[in-house]
Amino acid sequence: GQLVSEHSDVVFGGLLVVALVAVFWLRHFIRSGRWIVFL
C-alpha cells in the first residue's frame, strides 16, 4: 500500500503494460490452437 501511494503512476502503468501483454499473448495462444493442448 505504501508503494502504491508513493509511486502510483509507475505501479499502475506497469500493471497496464502487463495486462496488455497478457491479453495479446492470450489471443495468440487461443488462435494457435495450443490452448487445447494445454487443457
ModelCIF file with pLDDT and N, C-alpha, C, O atoms, coordinates in Angstrom:
data_MODEL
#
_entry.id   MODEL 
#
_entity.id                         1 
_entity.type                       polymer 
_entity.pdbx_number_of_molecules   1 
#
_entity_poly.entity_id                      1 
_entity_poly.type                           'polypeptide(L)' 
_entity_poly.nstd_linkage                   no 
_entity_poly.nstd_monomer                   no 
_entity_poly.pdbx_seq_one_letter_code       GQLVSEHSDVVFGGLLVVALVAVFWLRHFIRSGRWIVFL 
_entity_poly.pdbx_seq_one_letter_code_can   GQLVSEHSDVVFGGLLVVALVAVFWLRHFIRSGRWIVFL 
_entity_poly.pdbx_strand_id                 A 
#
loop_
_entity_poly_seq.entity_id 
_entity_poly_seq.num 
_entity_poly_seq.mon_id 
_entity_poly_seq.hetero 
1 1  GLY n 
1 2  GLN n 
1 3  LEU n 
1 4  VAL n 
1 5  SER n 
1 6  GLU n 
1 7  HIS n 
1 8  SER n 
1 9  ASP n 
1 10 VAL n 
1 11 VAL n 
1 12 PHE n 
1 13 GLY n 
1 14 GLY n 
1 15 LEU n 
1 16 LEU n 
1 17 VAL n 
1 18 VAL n 
1 19 ALA n 
1 20 LEU n 
1 21 VAL n 
1 22 ALA n 
1 23 VAL n 
1 24 PHE n 
1 25 TRP n 
1 26 LEU n 
1 27 ARG n 
1 28 HIS n 
1 29 PHE n 
1 30 ILE n 
1 31 ARG n 
1 32 SER n 
1 33 GLY n 
1 34 ARG n 
1 35 TRP n 
1 36 ILE n 
1 37 VAL n 
1 38 PHE n 
1 39 LEU n 
#
_struct_asym.id          A 
_struct_asym.entity_id   1 
#
loop_
_ma_qa_metric.id 
_ma_qa_metric.mode 
_ma_qa_metric.name 
_ma_qa_metric.software_group_id 
_ma_qa_metric.type 
1 global pLDDT . pLDDT 
2 local  pLDDT . pLDDT 
#
_ma_qa_metric_global.metric_id      1 
_ma_qa_metric_global.metric_value   76.56 
_ma_qa_metric_global.model_id       1 
_ma_qa_metric_global.ordinal_id     1 
#
loop_
_ma_qa_metric_local.label_asym_id 
_ma_qa_metric_local.label_comp_id 
_ma_qa_metric_local.label_seq_id 
_ma_qa_metric_local.metric_id 
_ma_qa_metric_local.metric_value 
_ma_qa_metric_local.model_id 
_ma_qa_metric_local.ordinal_id 
A GLY 1  2 74.00 1 1  
A GLN 2  2 74.00 1 2  
A LEU 3  2 76.00 1 3  
A VAL 4  2 74.00 1 4  
A SER 5  2 71.00 1 5  
A GLU 6  2 74.00 1 6  
A HIS 7  2 75.00 1 7  
A SER 8  2 74.00 1 8  
A ASP 9  2 78.00 1 9  
A VAL 10 2 81.00 1 10 
A VAL 11 2 74.00 1 11 
A PHE 12 2 78.00 1 12 
A GLY 13 2 83.00 1 13 
A GLY 14 2 83.00 1 14 
A LEU 15 2 79.00 1 15 
A LEU 16 2 85.00 1 16 
A VAL 17 2 89.00 1 17 
A VAL 18 2 87.00 1 18 
A ALA 19 2 84.00 1 19 
A LEU 20 2 89.00 1 20 
A VAL 21 2 90.00 1 21 
A ALA 22 2 86.00 1 22 
A VAL 23 2 85.00 1 23 
A PHE 24 2 86.00 1 24 
A TRP 25 2 83.00 1 25 
A LEU 26 2 78.00 1 26 
A ARG 27 2 80.00 1 27 
A HIS 28 2 77.00 1 28 
A PHE 29 2 71.00 1 29 
A ILE 30 2 69.00 1 30 
A ARG 31 2 69.00 1 31 
A SER 32 2 65.00 1 32 
A GLY 33 2 61.00 1 33 
A ARG 34 2 67.00 1 34 
A TRP 35 2 66.00 1 35 
A ILE 36 2 65.00 1 36 
A VAL 37 2 66.00 1 37 
A PHE 38 2 70.00 1 38 
A LEU 39 2 70.00 1 39 
#
loop_
_atom_site.group_PDB 
_atom_site.id 
_atom_site.type_symbol 
_atom_site.label_atom_id 
_atom_site.label_alt_id 
_atom_site.label_comp_id 
_atom_site.label_asym_id 
_atom_site.label_entity_id 
_atom_site.label_seq_id 
_atom_site.pdbx_PDB_ins_code 
_atom_site.Cartn_x 
_atom_site.Cartn_y 
_atom_site.Cartn_z 
_atom_site.occupancy 
_atom_site.B_iso_or_equiv 
_atom_site.pdbx_formal_charge 
_atom_site.auth_seq_id 
_atom_site.auth_comp_id 
_atom_site.auth_asym_id 
_atom_site.auth_atom_id 
_atom_site.pdbx_PDB_model_num 
ATOM 1   N N  . GLY A 1 1  ? 0.817  -1.211  0.000   1.00 74.00 ? 1  GLY A N  1 
ATOM 2   C CA . GLY A 1 1  ? 0.000  0.000   0.000   1.00 74.00 ? 1  GLY A CA 1 
ATOM 3   C C  . GLY A 1 1  ? 0.846  1.255   0.000   1.00 74.00 ? 1  GLY A C  1 
ATOM 4   O O  . GLY A 1 1  ? 0.514  2.231   -0.672  1.00 74.00 ? 1  GLY A O  1 
ATOM 5   N N  . GLN A 1 2  ? 1.948  1.237   0.756   1.00 74.00 ? 2  GLN A N  1 
ATOM 6   C CA . GLN A 1 2  ? 2.848  2.390   0.800   1.00 74.00 ? 2  GLN A CA 1 
ATOM 7   C C  . GLN A 1 2  ? 3.489  2.612   -0.577  1.00 74.00 ? 2  GLN A C  1 
ATOM 8   O O  . GLN A 1 2  ? 3.642  3.749   -1.022  1.00 74.00 ? 2  GLN A O  1 
ATOM 9   N N  . LEU A 1 3  ? 3.862  1.512   -1.242  1.00 76.00 ? 3  LEU A N  1 
ATOM 10  C CA . LEU A 1 3  ? 4.468  1.612   -2.574  1.00 76.00 ? 3  LEU A CA 1 
ATOM 11  C C  . LEU A 1 3  ? 3.494  2.230   -3.572  1.00 76.00 ? 3  LEU A C  1 
ATOM 12  O O  . LEU A 1 3  ? 3.875  3.078   -4.380  1.00 76.00 ? 3  LEU A O  1 
ATOM 13  N N  . VAL A 1 4  ? 2.231  1.799   -3.510  1.00 74.00 ? 4  VAL A N  1 
ATOM 14  C CA . VAL A 1 4  ? 1.218  2.348   -4.417  1.00 74.00 ? 4  VAL A CA 1 
ATOM 15  C C  . VAL A 1 4  ? 1.001  3.831   -4.143  1.00 74.00 ? 4  VAL A C  1 
ATOM 16  O O  . VAL A 1 4  ? 0.824  4.610   -5.079  1.00 74.00 ? 4  VAL A O  1 
ATOM 17  N N  . SER A 1 5  ? 1.011  4.232   -2.876  1.00 71.00 ? 5  SER A N  1 
ATOM 18  C CA . SER A 1 5  ? 0.798  5.642   -2.533  1.00 71.00 ? 5  SER A CA 1 
ATOM 19  C C  . SER A 1 5  ? 1.918  6.525   -3.065  1.00 71.00 ? 5  SER A C  1 
ATOM 20  O O  . SER A 1 5  ? 1.663  7.621   -3.564  1.00 71.00 ? 5  SER A O  1 
ATOM 21  N N  . GLU A 1 6  ? 3.159  6.052   -2.962  1.00 74.00 ? 6  GLU A N  1 
ATOM 22  C CA . GLU A 1 6  ? 4.297  6.877   -3.338  1.00 74.00 ? 6  GLU A CA 1 
ATOM 23  C C  . GLU A 1 6  ? 4.610  6.836   -4.829  1.00 74.00 ? 6  GLU A C  1 
ATOM 24  O O  . GLU A 1 6  ? 5.131  7.810   -5.371  1.00 74.00 ? 6  GLU A O  1 
ATOM 25  N N  . HIS A 1 7  ? 4.300  5.722   -5.507  1.00 75.00 ? 7  HIS A N  1 
ATOM 26  C CA . HIS A 1 7  ? 4.647  5.573   -6.928  1.00 75.00 ? 7  HIS A CA 1 
ATOM 27  C C  . HIS A 1 7  ? 3.428  5.060   -7.708  1.00 75.00 ? 7  HIS A C  1 
ATOM 28  O O  . HIS A 1 7  ? 3.535  4.088   -8.456  1.00 75.00 ? 7  HIS A O  1 
ATOM 29  N N  . SER A 1 8  ? 2.296  5.698   -7.537  1.00 74.00 ? 8  SER A N  1 
ATOM 30  C CA . SER A 1 8  ? 1.056  5.208   -8.150  1.00 74.00 ? 8  SER A CA 1 
ATOM 31  C C  . SER A 1 8  ? 1.142  5.181   -9.673  1.00 74.00 ? 8  SER A C  1 
ATOM 32  O O  . SER A 1 8  ? 0.668  4.233   -10.300 1.00 74.00 ? 8  SER A O  1 
ATOM 33  N N  . ASP A 1 9  ? 1.747  6.221   -10.280 1.00 78.00 ? 9  ASP A N  1 
ATOM 34  C CA . ASP A 1 9  ? 1.818  6.261   -11.750 1.00 78.00 ? 9  ASP A CA 1 
ATOM 35  C C  . ASP A 1 9  ? 2.632  5.096   -12.294 1.00 78.00 ? 9  ASP A C  1 
ATOM 36  O O  . ASP A 1 9  ? 2.228  4.447   -13.258 1.00 78.00 ? 9  ASP A O  1 
ATOM 37  N N  . VAL A 1 10 ? 3.781  4.833   -11.672 1.00 81.00 ? 10 VAL A N  1 
ATOM 38  C CA . VAL A 1 10 ? 4.645  3.745   -12.140 1.00 81.00 ? 10 VAL A CA 1 
ATOM 39  C C  . VAL A 1 10 ? 3.960  2.393   -11.945 1.00 81.00 ? 10 VAL A C  1 
ATOM 40  O O  . VAL A 1 10 ? 3.989  1.544   -12.836 1.00 81.00 ? 10 VAL A O  1 
ATOM 41  N N  . VAL A 1 11 ? 3.344  2.195   -10.782 1.00 74.00 ? 11 VAL A N  1 
ATOM 42  C CA . VAL A 1 11 ? 2.701  0.915   -10.474 1.00 74.00 ? 11 VAL A CA 1 
ATOM 43  C C  . VAL A 1 11 ? 1.556  0.637   -11.434 1.00 74.00 ? 11 VAL A C  1 
ATOM 44  O O  . VAL A 1 11 ? 1.472  -0.450  -12.007 1.00 74.00 ? 11 VAL A O  1 
ATOM 45  N N  . PHE A 1 12 ? 0.660  1.627   -11.616 1.00 78.00 ? 12 PHE A N  1 
ATOM 46  C CA . PHE A 1 12 ? -0.485 1.407   -12.492 1.00 78.00 ? 12 PHE A CA 1 
ATOM 47  C C  . PHE A 1 12 ? -0.060 1.303   -13.954 1.00 78.00 ? 12 PHE A C  1 
ATOM 48  O O  . PHE A 1 12 ? -0.656 0.549   -14.722 1.00 78.00 ? 12 PHE A O  1 
ATOM 49  N N  . GLY A 1 13 ? 0.978  2.067   -14.344 1.00 83.00 ? 13 GLY A N  1 
ATOM 50  C CA . GLY A 1 13 ? 1.499  1.935   -15.705 1.00 83.00 ? 13 GLY A CA 1 
ATOM 51  C C  . GLY A 1 13 ? 2.065  0.552   -15.960 1.00 83.00 ? 13 GLY A C  1 
ATOM 52  O O  . GLY A 1 13 ? 1.830  -0.037  -17.016 1.00 83.00 ? 13 GLY A O  1 
ATOM 53  N N  . GLY A 1 14 ? 2.818  0.028   -14.984 1.00 83.00 ? 14 GLY A N  1 
ATOM 54  C CA . GLY A 1 14 ? 3.370  -1.316  -15.118 1.00 83.00 ? 14 GLY A CA 1 
ATOM 55  C C  . GLY A 1 14 ? 2.290  -2.378  -15.182 1.00 83.00 ? 14 GLY A C  1 
ATOM 56  O O  . GLY A 1 14 ? 2.377  -3.313  -15.979 1.00 83.00 ? 14 GLY A O  1 
ATOM 57  N N  . LEU A 1 15 ? 1.258  -2.235  -14.333 1.00 79.00 ? 15 LEU A N  1 
ATOM 58  C CA . LEU A 1 15 ? 0.148  -3.195  -14.366 1.00 79.00 ? 15 LEU A CA 1 
ATOM 59  C C  . LEU A 1 15 ? -0.592 -3.151  -15.693 1.00 79.00 ? 15 LEU A C  1 
ATOM 60  O O  . LEU A 1 15 ? -1.022 -4.188  -16.200 1.00 79.00 ? 15 LEU A O  1 
ATOM 61  N N  . LEU A 1 16 ? -0.746 -1.947  -16.266 1.00 85.00 ? 16 LEU A N  1 
ATOM 62  C CA . LEU A 1 16 ? -1.421 -1.813  -17.557 1.00 85.00 ? 16 LEU A CA 1 
ATOM 63  C C  . LEU A 1 16 ? -0.625 -2.501  -18.660 1.00 85.00 ? 16 LEU A C  1 
ATOM 64  O O  . LEU A 1 16 ? -1.194 -3.185  -19.510 1.00 85.00 ? 16 LEU A O  1 
ATOM 65  N N  . VAL A 1 17 ? 0.696  -2.317  -18.641 1.00 89.00 ? 17 VAL A N  1 
ATOM 66  C CA . VAL A 1 17 ? 1.548  -2.969  -19.646 1.00 89.00 ? 17 VAL A CA 1 
ATOM 67  C C  . VAL A 1 17 ? 1.454  -4.491  -19.519 1.00 89.00 ? 17 VAL A C  1 
ATOM 68  O O  . VAL A 1 17 ? 1.331  -5.201  -20.516 1.00 89.00 ? 17 VAL A O  1 
ATOM 69  N N  . VAL A 1 18 ? 1.515  -4.974  -18.287 1.00 87.00 ? 18 VAL A N  1 
ATOM 70  C CA . VAL A 1 18 ? 1.412  -6.424  -18.058 1.00 87.00 ? 18 VAL A CA 1 
ATOM 71  C C  . VAL A 1 18 ? 0.072  -6.949  -18.554 1.00 87.00 ? 18 VAL A C  1 
ATOM 72  O O  . VAL A 1 18 ? 0.011  -8.016  -19.165 1.00 87.00 ? 18 VAL A O  1 
ATOM 73  N N  . ALA A 1 19 ? -1.009 -6.203  -18.294 1.00 84.00 ? 19 ALA A N  1 
ATOM 74  C CA . ALA A 1 19 ? -2.338 -6.623  -18.735 1.00 84.00 ? 19 ALA A CA 1 
ATOM 75  C C  . ALA A 1 19 ? -2.423 -6.674  -20.261 1.00 84.00 ? 19 ALA A C  1 
ATOM 76  O O  . ALA A 1 19 ? -2.981 -7.620  -20.817 1.00 84.00 ? 19 ALA A O  1 
ATOM 77  N N  . LEU A 1 20 ? -1.873 -5.662  -20.944 1.00 89.00 ? 20 LEU A N  1 
ATOM 78  C CA . LEU A 1 20 ? -1.912 -5.638  -22.405 1.00 89.00 ? 20 LEU A CA 1 
ATOM 79  C C  . LEU A 1 20 ? -1.106 -6.785  -23.000 1.00 89.00 ? 20 LEU A C  1 
ATOM 80  O O  . LEU A 1 20 ? -1.543 -7.429  -23.954 1.00 89.00 ? 20 LEU A O  1 
ATOM 81  N N  . VAL A 1 21 ? 0.073  -7.040  -22.436 1.00 90.00 ? 21 VAL A N  1 
ATOM 82  C CA . VAL A 1 21 ? 0.896  -8.154  -22.918 1.00 90.00 ? 21 VAL A CA 1 
ATOM 83  C C  . VAL A 1 21 ? 0.171  -9.482  -22.698 1.00 90.00 ? 21 VAL A C  1 
ATOM 84  O O  . VAL A 1 21 ? 0.206  -10.364 -23.557 1.00 90.00 ? 21 VAL A O  1 
ATOM 85  N N  . ALA A 1 22 ? -0.486 -9.620  -21.542 1.00 86.00 ? 22 ALA A N  1 
ATOM 86  C CA . ALA A 1 22 ? -1.218 -10.854 -21.242 1.00 86.00 ? 22 ALA A CA 1 
ATOM 87  C C  . ALA A 1 22 ? -2.367 -11.064 -22.224 1.00 86.00 ? 22 ALA A C  1 
ATOM 88  O O  . ALA A 1 22 ? -2.595 -12.183 -22.681 1.00 86.00 ? 22 ALA A O  1 
ATOM 89  N N  . VAL A 1 23 ? -3.096 -9.987  -22.551 1.00 85.00 ? 23 VAL A N  1 
ATOM 90  C CA . VAL A 1 23 ? -4.206 -10.099 -23.499 1.00 85.00 ? 23 VAL A CA 1 
ATOM 91  C C  . VAL A 1 23 ? -3.692 -10.484 -24.884 1.00 85.00 ? 23 VAL A C  1 
ATOM 92  O O  . VAL A 1 23 ? -4.268 -11.351 -25.542 1.00 85.00 ? 23 VAL A O  1 
ATOM 93  N N  . PHE A 1 24 ? -2.609 -9.841  -25.327 1.00 86.00 ? 24 PHE A N  1 
ATOM 94  C CA . PHE A 1 24 ? -2.036 -10.148 -26.641 1.00 86.00 ? 24 PHE A CA 1 
ATOM 95  C C  . PHE A 1 24 ? -1.564 -11.598 -26.696 1.00 86.00 ? 24 PHE A C  1 
ATOM 96  O O  . PHE A 1 24 ? -1.830 -12.307 -27.667 1.00 86.00 ? 24 PHE A O  1 
ATOM 97  N N  . TRP A 1 25 ? -0.862 -12.034 -25.652 1.00 83.00 ? 25 TRP A N  1 
ATOM 98  C CA . TRP A 1 25 ? -0.378 -13.416 -25.619 1.00 83.00 ? 25 TRP A CA 1 
ATOM 99  C C  . TRP A 1 25 ? -1.538 -14.405 -25.591 1.00 83.00 ? 25 TRP A C  1 
ATOM 100 O O  . TRP A 1 25 ? -1.485 -15.445 -26.249 1.00 83.00 ? 25 TRP A O  1 
ATOM 101 N N  . LEU A 1 26 ? -2.586 -14.087 -24.833 1.00 78.00 ? 26 LEU A N  1 
ATOM 102 C CA . LEU A 1 26 ? -3.729 -14.988 -24.726 1.00 78.00 ? 26 LEU A CA 1 
ATOM 103 C C  . LEU A 1 26 ? -4.433 -15.134 -26.067 1.00 78.00 ? 26 LEU A C  1 
ATOM 104 O O  . LEU A 1 26 ? -4.828 -16.238 -26.443 1.00 78.00 ? 26 LEU A O  1 
ATOM 105 N N  . ARG A 1 27 ? -4.594 -14.023 -26.797 1.00 80.00 ? 27 ARG A N  1 
ATOM 106 C CA . ARG A 1 27 ? -5.228 -14.097 -28.115 1.00 80.00 ? 27 ARG A CA 1 
ATOM 107 C C  . ARG A 1 27 ? -4.414 -14.976 -29.054 1.00 80.00 ? 27 ARG A C  1 
ATOM 108 O O  . ARG A 1 27 ? -4.971 -15.804 -29.774 1.00 80.00 ? 27 ARG A O  1 
ATOM 109 N N  . HIS A 1 28 ? -3.099 -14.795 -29.046 1.00 77.00 ? 28 HIS A N  1 
ATOM 110 C CA . HIS A 1 28 ? -2.236 -15.625 -29.903 1.00 77.00 ? 28 HIS A CA 1 
ATOM 111 C C  . HIS A 1 28 ? -2.297 -17.089 -29.466 1.00 77.00 ? 28 HIS A C  1 
ATOM 112 O O  . HIS A 1 28 ? -2.317 -17.991 -30.304 1.00 77.00 ? 28 HIS A O  1 
ATOM 113 N N  . PHE A 1 29 ? -2.328 -17.318 -28.163 1.00 71.00 ? 29 PHE A N  1 
ATOM 114 C CA . PHE A 1 29 ? -2.376 -18.675 -27.622 1.00 71.00 ? 29 PHE A CA 1 
ATOM 115 C C  . PHE A 1 29 ? -3.654 -19.392 -28.057 1.00 71.00 ? 29 PHE A C  1 
ATOM 116 O O  . PHE A 1 29 ? -3.620 -20.573 -28.404 1.00 71.00 ? 29 PHE A O  1 
ATOM 117 N N  . ILE A 1 30 ? -4.780 -18.675 -28.038 1.00 69.00 ? 30 ILE A N  1 
ATOM 118 C CA . ILE A 1 30 ? -6.057 -19.272 -28.418 1.00 69.00 ? 30 ILE A CA 1 
ATOM 119 C C  . ILE A 1 30 ? -6.119 -19.511 -29.920 1.00 69.00 ? 30 ILE A C  1 
ATOM 120 O O  . ILE A 1 30 ? -6.550 -20.573 -30.369 1.00 69.00 ? 30 ILE A O  1 
ATOM 121 N N  . ARG A 1 31 ? -5.682 -18.505 -30.706 1.00 69.00 ? 31 ARG A N  1 
ATOM 122 C CA . ARG A 1 31 ? -5.753 -18.645 -32.163 1.00 69.00 ? 31 ARG A CA 1 
ATOM 123 C C  . ARG A 1 31 ? -4.843 -19.753 -32.681 1.00 69.00 ? 31 ARG A C  1 
ATOM 124 O O  . ARG A 1 31 ? -5.157 -20.379 -33.694 1.00 69.00 ? 31 ARG A O  1 
ATOM 125 N N  . SER A 1 32 ? -3.732 -20.006 -32.016 1.00 65.00 ? 32 SER A N  1 
ATOM 126 C CA . SER A 1 32 ? -2.811 -21.054 -32.464 1.00 65.00 ? 32 SER A CA 1 
ATOM 127 C C  . SER A 1 32 ? -3.340 -22.455 -32.201 1.00 65.00 ? 32 SER A C  1 
ATOM 128 O O  . SER A 1 32 ? -2.819 -23.428 -32.746 1.00 65.00 ? 32 SER A O  1 
ATOM 129 N N  . GLY A 1 33 ? -4.378 -22.566 -31.364 1.00 61.00 ? 33 GLY A N  1 
ATOM 130 C CA . GLY A 1 33 ? -4.935 -23.876 -31.036 1.00 61.00 ? 33 GLY A CA 1 
ATOM 131 C C  . GLY A 1 33 ? -4.210 -24.595 -29.922 1.00 61.00 ? 33 GLY A C  1 
ATOM 132 O O  . GLY A 1 33 ? -4.594 -25.703 -29.550 1.00 61.00 ? 33 GLY A O  1 
ATOM 133 N N  . ARG A 1 34 ? -3.164 -23.985 -29.380 1.00 67.00 ? 34 ARG A N  1 
ATOM 134 C CA . ARG A 1 34 ? -2.388 -24.651 -28.338 1.00 67.00 ? 34 ARG A CA 1 
ATOM 135 C C  . ARG A 1 34 ? -3.080 -24.639 -26.982 1.00 67.00 ? 34 ARG A C  1 
ATOM 136 O O  . ARG A 1 34 ? -2.648 -25.322 -26.054 1.00 67.00 ? 34 ARG A O  1 
ATOM 137 N N  . TRP A 1 35 ? -4.155 -23.861 -26.866 1.00 66.00 ? 35 TRP A N  1 
ATOM 138 C CA . TRP A 1 35 ? -4.899 -23.876 -25.604 1.00 66.00 ? 35 TRP A CA 1 
ATOM 139 C C  . TRP A 1 35 ? -5.537 -25.242 -25.380 1.00 66.00 ? 35 TRP A C  1 
ATOM 140 O O  . TRP A 1 35 ? -5.703 -25.670 -24.238 1.00 66.00 ? 35 TRP A O  1 
ATOM 141 N N  . ILE A 1 36 ? -5.897 -25.929 -26.465 1.00 65.00 ? 36 ILE A N  1 
ATOM 142 C CA . ILE A 1 36 ? -6.461 -27.273 -26.319 1.00 65.00 ? 36 ILE A CA 1 
ATOM 143 C C  . ILE A 1 36 ? -5.393 -28.231 -25.809 1.00 65.00 ? 36 ILE A C  1 
ATOM 144 O O  . ILE A 1 36 ? -5.656 -29.070 -24.948 1.00 65.00 ? 36 ILE A O  1 
ATOM 145 N N  . VAL A 1 37 ? -4.171 -28.095 -26.357 1.00 66.00 ? 37 VAL A N  1 
ATOM 146 C CA . VAL A 1 37 ? -3.060 -28.935 -25.895 1.00 66.00 ? 37 VAL A CA 1 
ATOM 147 C C  . VAL A 1 37 ? -2.806 -28.696 -24.411 1.00 66.00 ? 37 VAL A C  1 
ATOM 148 O O  . VAL A 1 37 ? -2.573 -29.639 -23.655 1.00 66.00 ? 37 VAL A O  1 
ATOM 149 N N  . PHE A 1 38 ? -2.852 -27.427 -23.995 1.00 70.00 ? 38 PHE A N  1 
ATOM 150 C CA . PHE A 1 38 ? -2.642 -27.095 -22.587 1.00 70.00 ? 38 PHE A CA 1 
ATOM 151 C C  . PHE A 1 38 ? -3.713 -27.734 -21.708 1.00 70.00 ? 38 PHE A C  1 
ATOM 152 O O  . PHE A 1 38 ? -3.402 -28.309 -20.665 1.00 70.00 ? 38 PHE A O  1 
ATOM 153 N N  . LEU A 1 39 ? -4.975 -27.633 -22.129 1.00 70.00 ? 39 LEU A N  1 
ATOM 154 C CA . LEU A 1 39 ? -6.067 -28.195 -21.331 1.00 70.00 ? 39 LEU A CA 1 
ATOM 155 C C  . LEU A 1 39 ? -5.959 -29.713 -21.225 1.00 70.00 ? 39 LEU A C  1 
ATOM 156 O O  . LEU A 1 39 ? -6.799 -30.349 -20.588 1.00 70.00 ? 39 LEU A O  1 
#
